[in-house]
Amino acid sequence: MTELLLFSVVVVLLGLAWWLAEGSDDDNGGGGLMQPVLVPVPVRRYRQGR
C-alpha cells in the first residue's frame, strides 16, 4: 500500500511540474502575454498660425 501511495505522489508531482512548464509564458509559443505594438502617432512640430 505504501508503494502505491508513493508512486501516486511521484506521478502527481511529475505531472504538476510538466503542466507548469508547459503553461509558461516565457517562450514565444504564440500564446499568453504578448509584447505591445508601437504605433506611430502623428505630431505637429509647429503651431498653426491663426
PDB file of N, CA and C in Angstrom:
ATOM      1  N   MET A   1       0.826  -1.202   0.000  1.00  0.00           N
ATOM      2  CA  MET A   1       0.000   0.000   0.000  1.00  0.00           C
ATOM      3  C   MET A   1       0.869   1.263   0.000  1.00  0.00           C
ATOM      4  N   THR A   2       1.968   1.228   0.743  1.00  0.00           N
ATOM      5  CA  THR A   2       2.855   2.387   0.804  1.00  0.00           C
ATOM      6  C   THR A   2       3.484   2.663  -0.554  1.00  0.00           C
ATOM      7  N   GLU A   3       3.836   1.584  -1.265  1.00  0.00           N
ATOM      8  CA  GLU A   3       4.452   1.765  -2.586  1.00  0.00           C
ATOM      9  C   GLU A   3       3.478   2.415  -3.555  1.00  0.00           C
ATOM     10  N   LEU A   4       2.226   2.023  -3.498  1.00  0.00           N
ATOM     11  CA  LEU A   4       1.215   2.601  -4.381  1.00  0.00           C
ATOM     12  C   LEU A   4       1.013   4.084  -4.075  1.00  0.00           C
ATOM     13  N   LEU A   5       0.972   4.430  -2.806  1.00  0.00           N
ATOM     14  CA  LEU A   5       0.816   5.822  -2.411  1.00  0.00           C
ATOM     15  C   LEU A   5       2.023   6.655  -2.838  1.00  0.00           C
ATOM     16  N   LEU A   6       3.212   6.145  -2.622  1.00  0.00           N
ATOM     17  CA  LEU A   6       4.430   6.847  -3.025  1.00  0.00           C
ATOM     18  C   LEU A   6       4.492   7.012  -4.540  1.00  0.00           C
ATOM     19  N   PHE A   7       4.152   5.968  -5.277  1.00  0.00           N
ATOM     20  CA  PHE A   7       4.130   6.038  -6.738  1.00  0.00           C
ATOM     21  C   PHE A   7       3.123   7.084  -7.217  1.00  0.00           C
ATOM     22  N   SER A   8       1.948   7.127  -6.576  1.00  0.00           N
ATOM     23  CA  SER A   8       0.913   8.100  -6.954  1.00  0.00           C
ATOM     24  C   SER A   8       1.392   9.528  -6.705  1.00  0.00           C
ATOM     25  N   VAL A   9       2.061   9.741  -5.566  1.00  0.00           N
ATOM     26  CA  VAL A   9       2.563  11.077  -5.255  1.00  0.00           C
ATOM     27  C   VAL A   9       3.620  11.498  -6.271  1.00  0.00           C
ATOM     28  N   VAL A  10       4.507  10.591  -6.642  1.00  0.00           N
ATOM     29  CA  VAL A  10       5.553  10.907  -7.621  1.00  0.00           C
ATOM     30  C   VAL A  10       4.930  11.231  -8.976  1.00  0.00           C
ATOM     31  N   VAL A  11       3.941  10.469  -9.390  1.00  0.00           N
ATOM     32  CA  VAL A  11       3.290  10.713 -10.680  1.00  0.00           C
ATOM     33  C   VAL A  11       2.582  12.068 -10.665  1.00  0.00           C
ATOM     34  N   VAL A  12       1.906  12.386  -9.563  1.00  0.00           N
ATOM     35  CA  VAL A  12       1.208  13.671  -9.466  1.00  0.00           C
ATOM     36  C   VAL A  12       2.212  14.826  -9.491  1.00  0.00           C
ATOM     37  N   LEU A  13       3.317  14.696  -8.772  1.00  0.00           N
ATOM     38  CA  LEU A  13       4.328  15.761  -8.764  1.00  0.00           C
ATOM     39  C   LEU A  13       4.967  15.945 -10.133  1.00  0.00           C
ATOM     40  N   LEU A  14       5.255  14.849 -10.822  1.00  0.00           N
ATOM     41  CA  LEU A  14       5.808  14.963 -12.176  1.00  0.00           C
ATOM     42  C   LEU A  14       4.800  15.588 -13.134  1.00  0.00           C
ATOM     43  N   GLY A  15       3.550  15.217 -13.012  1.00  0.00           N
ATOM     44  CA  GLY A  15       2.505  15.805 -13.853  1.00  0.00           C
ATOM     45  C   GLY A  15       2.334  17.286 -13.585  1.00  0.00           C
ATOM     46  N   LEU A  16       2.404  17.684 -12.307  1.00  0.00           N
ATOM     47  CA  LEU A  16       2.291  19.092 -11.955  1.00  0.00           C
ATOM     48  C   LEU A  16       3.478  19.889 -12.490  1.00  0.00           C
ATOM     49  N   ALA A  17       4.669  19.335 -12.375  1.00  0.00           N
ATOM     50  CA  ALA A  17       5.866  20.015 -12.895  1.00  0.00           C
ATOM     51  C   ALA A  17       5.785  20.163 -14.409  1.00  0.00           C
ATOM     52  N   TRP A  18       5.325  19.132 -15.094  1.00  0.00           N
ATOM     53  CA  TRP A  18       5.194  19.189 -16.557  1.00  0.00           C
ATOM     54  C   TRP A  18       4.137  20.220 -16.957  1.00  0.00           C
ATOM     55  N   TRP A  19       3.015  20.253 -16.232  1.00  0.00           N
ATOM     56  CA  TRP A  19       1.929  21.180 -16.534  1.00  0.00           C
ATOM     57  C   TRP A  19       2.389  22.626 -16.339  1.00  0.00           C
ATOM     58  N   LEU A  20       3.127  22.882 -15.273  1.00  0.00           N
ATOM     59  CA  LEU A  20       3.624  24.237 -15.036  1.00  0.00           C
ATOM     60  C   LEU A  20       4.662  24.651 -16.079  1.00  0.00           C
ATOM     61  N   ALA A  21       5.493  23.705 -16.514  1.00  0.00           N
ATOM     62  CA  ALA A  21       6.493  24.013 -17.531  1.00  0.00           C
ATOM     63  C   ALA A  21       5.835  24.272 -18.885  1.00  0.00           C
ATOM     64  N   GLU A  22       4.787  23.553 -19.201  1.00  0.00           N
ATOM     65  CA  GLU A  22       4.097  23.730 -20.479  1.00  0.00           C
ATOM     66  C   GLU A  22       3.318  25.041 -20.512  1.00  0.00           C
ATOM     67  N   GLY A  23       2.806  25.481 -19.387  1.00  0.00           N
ATOM     68  CA  GLY A  23       1.997  26.681 -19.348  1.00  0.00           C
ATOM     69  C   GLY A  23       2.804  27.947 -19.175  1.00  0.00           C
ATOM     70  N   SER A  24       4.112  27.863 -19.312  1.00  0.00           N
ATOM     71  CA  SER A  24       4.964  29.025 -19.089  1.00  0.00           C
ATOM     72  C   SER A  24       4.794  30.038 -20.214  1.00  0.00           C
ATOM     73  N   ASP A  25       4.793  31.331 -19.842  1.00  0.00           N
ATOM     74  CA  ASP A  25       4.692  32.405 -20.831  1.00  0.00           C
ATOM     75  C   ASP A  25       6.055  32.942 -21.221  1.00  0.00           C
ATOM     76  N   ASP A  26       7.109  32.256 -20.842  1.00  0.00           N
ATOM     77  CA  ASP A  26       8.452  32.748 -21.125  1.00  0.00           C
ATOM     78  C   ASP A  26       8.889  32.504 -22.566  1.00  0.00           C
ATOM     79  N   ASP A  27       8.237  31.598 -23.252  1.00  0.00           N
ATOM     80  CA  ASP A  27       8.647  31.289 -24.619  1.00  0.00           C
ATOM     81  C   ASP A  27       7.800  32.090 -25.601  1.00  0.00           C
ATOM     82  N   ASN A  28       8.157  32.027 -26.855  1.00  0.00           N
ATOM     83  CA  ASN A  28       7.393  32.697 -27.899  1.00  0.00           C
ATOM     84  C   ASN A  28       6.515  31.683 -28.620  1.00  0.00           C
ATOM     85  N   GLY A  29       5.741  30.945 -27.855  1.00  0.00           N
ATOM     86  CA  GLY A  29       4.897  29.900 -28.419  1.00  0.00           C
ATOM     87  C   GLY A  29       3.617  30.414 -29.042  1.00  0.00           C
ATOM     88  N   GLY A  30       3.373  31.698 -28.983  1.00  0.00           N
ATOM     89  CA  GLY A  30       2.188  32.255 -29.613  1.00  0.00           C
ATOM     90  C   GLY A  30       1.058  32.528 -28.640  1.00  0.00           C
ATOM     91  N   GLY A  31       1.085  31.959 -27.476  1.00  0.00           N
ATOM     92  CA  GLY A  31       0.018  32.192 -26.516  1.00  0.00           C
ATOM     93  C   GLY A  31       0.507  33.021 -25.354  1.00  0.00           C
ATOM     94  N   GLY A  32      -0.399  33.369 -24.504  1.00  0.00           N
ATOM     95  CA  GLY A  32      -0.016  34.083 -23.299  1.00  0.00           C
ATOM     96  C   GLY A  32       0.215  35.557 -23.544  1.00  0.00           C
ATOM     97  N   LEU A  33       1.041  36.151 -22.745  1.00  0.00           N
ATOM     98  CA  LEU A  33       1.301  37.586 -22.834  1.00  0.00           C
ATOM     99  C   LEU A  33       2.134  37.899 -24.070  1.00  0.00           C
ATOM    100  N   MET A  34       1.774  38.976 -24.729  1.00  0.00           N
ATOM    101  CA  MET A  34       2.490  39.370 -25.937  1.00  0.00           C
ATOM    102  C   MET A  34       3.073  40.759 -25.741  1.00  0.00           C
ATOM    103  N   GLN A  35       4.097  41.071 -26.486  1.00  0.00           N
ATOM    104  CA  GLN A  35       4.723  42.386 -26.429  1.00  0.00           C
ATOM    105  C   GLN A  35       3.786  43.415 -27.057  1.00  0.00           C
ATOM    106  N   PRO A  36       3.711  44.620 -26.488  1.00  0.00           N
ATOM    107  CA  PRO A  36       2.857  45.651 -27.087  1.00  0.00           C
ATOM    108  C   PRO A  36       3.415  46.110 -28.433  1.00  0.00           C
ATOM    109  N   VAL A  37       2.524  46.517 -29.299  1.00  0.00           N
ATOM    110  CA  VAL A  37       2.910  47.006 -30.621  1.00  0.00           C
ATOM    111  C   VAL A  37       2.980  48.522 -30.560  1.00  0.00           C
ATOM    112  N   LEU A  38       4.090  49.077 -31.000  1.00  0.00           N
ATOM    113  CA  LEU A  38       4.239  50.524 -31.018  1.00  0.00           C
ATOM    114  C   LEU A  38       3.624  51.083 -32.300  1.00  0.00           C
ATOM    115  N   VAL A  39       2.697  52.008 -32.126  1.00  0.00           N
ATOM    116  CA  VAL A  39       2.003  52.609 -33.264  1.00  0.00           C
ATOM    117  C   VAL A  39       2.466  54.051 -33.385  1.00  0.00           C
ATOM    118  N   PRO A  40       2.928  54.454 -34.577  1.00  0.00           N
ATOM    119  CA  PRO A  40       3.378  55.840 -34.733  1.00  0.00           C
ATOM    120  C   PRO A  40       2.200  56.818 -34.619  1.00  0.00           C
ATOM    121  N   VAL A  41       2.420  57.889 -33.868  1.00  0.00           N
ATOM    122  CA  VAL A  41       1.393  58.904 -33.668  1.00  0.00           C
ATOM    123  C   VAL A  41       1.867  60.177 -34.356  1.00  0.00           C
ATOM    124  N   PRO A  42       1.071  60.718 -35.256  1.00  0.00           N
ATOM    125  CA  PRO A  42       1.492  61.943 -35.938  1.00  0.00           C
ATOM    126  C   PRO A  42       1.548  63.113 -34.953  1.00  0.00           C
ATOM    127  N   VAL A  43       2.653  63.878 -35.028  1.00  0.00           N
ATOM    128  CA  VAL A  43       2.851  65.007 -34.123  1.00  0.00           C
ATOM    129  C   VAL A  43       3.151  66.236 -34.965  1.00  0.00           C
ATOM    130  N   ARG A  44       2.461  67.332 -34.655  1.00  0.00           N
ATOM    131  CA  ARG A  44       2.734  68.591 -35.352  1.00  0.00           C
ATOM    132  C   ARG A  44       3.943  69.243 -34.704  1.00  0.00           C
ATOM    133  N   ARG A  45       4.944  69.588 -35.521  1.00  0.00           N
ATOM    134  CA  ARG A  45       6.147  70.203 -34.980  1.00  0.00           C
ATOM    135  C   ARG A  45       5.983  71.701 -34.758  1.00  0.00           C
ATOM    136  N   TYR A  46       5.133  72.358 -35.548  1.00  0.00           N
ATOM    137  CA  TYR A  46       4.965  73.800 -35.457  1.00  0.00           C
ATOM    138  C   TYR A  46       3.493  74.119 -35.230  1.00  0.00           C
ATOM    139  N   ARG A  47       3.260  75.195 -34.478  1.00  0.00           N
ATOM    140  CA  ARG A  47       1.875  75.622 -34.277  1.00  0.00           C
ATOM    141  C   ARG A  47       1.327  76.215 -35.560  1.00  0.00           C
ATOM    142  N   GLN A  48       0.065  75.968 -35.781  1.00  0.00           N
ATOM    143  CA  GLN A  48      -0.564  76.547 -36.950  1.00  0.00           C
ATOM    144  C   GLN A  48      -0.924  77.999 -36.649  1.00  0.00           C
ATOM    145  N   GLY A  49      -0.571  78.881 -37.558  1.00  0.00           N
ATOM    146  CA  GLY A  49      -0.853  80.304 -37.358  1.00  0.00           C
ATOM    147  C   GLY A  49      -2.348  80.601 -37.443  1.00  0.00           C
ATOM    148  N   ARG A  50      -2.761  81.587 -36.627  1.00  0.00           N
ATOM    149  CA  ARG A  50      -4.184  81.958 -36.661  1.00  0.00           C
ATOM    150  C   ARG A  50      -4.379  83.278 -37.312  1.00  0.00           C
TER     151      ARG A  50
END
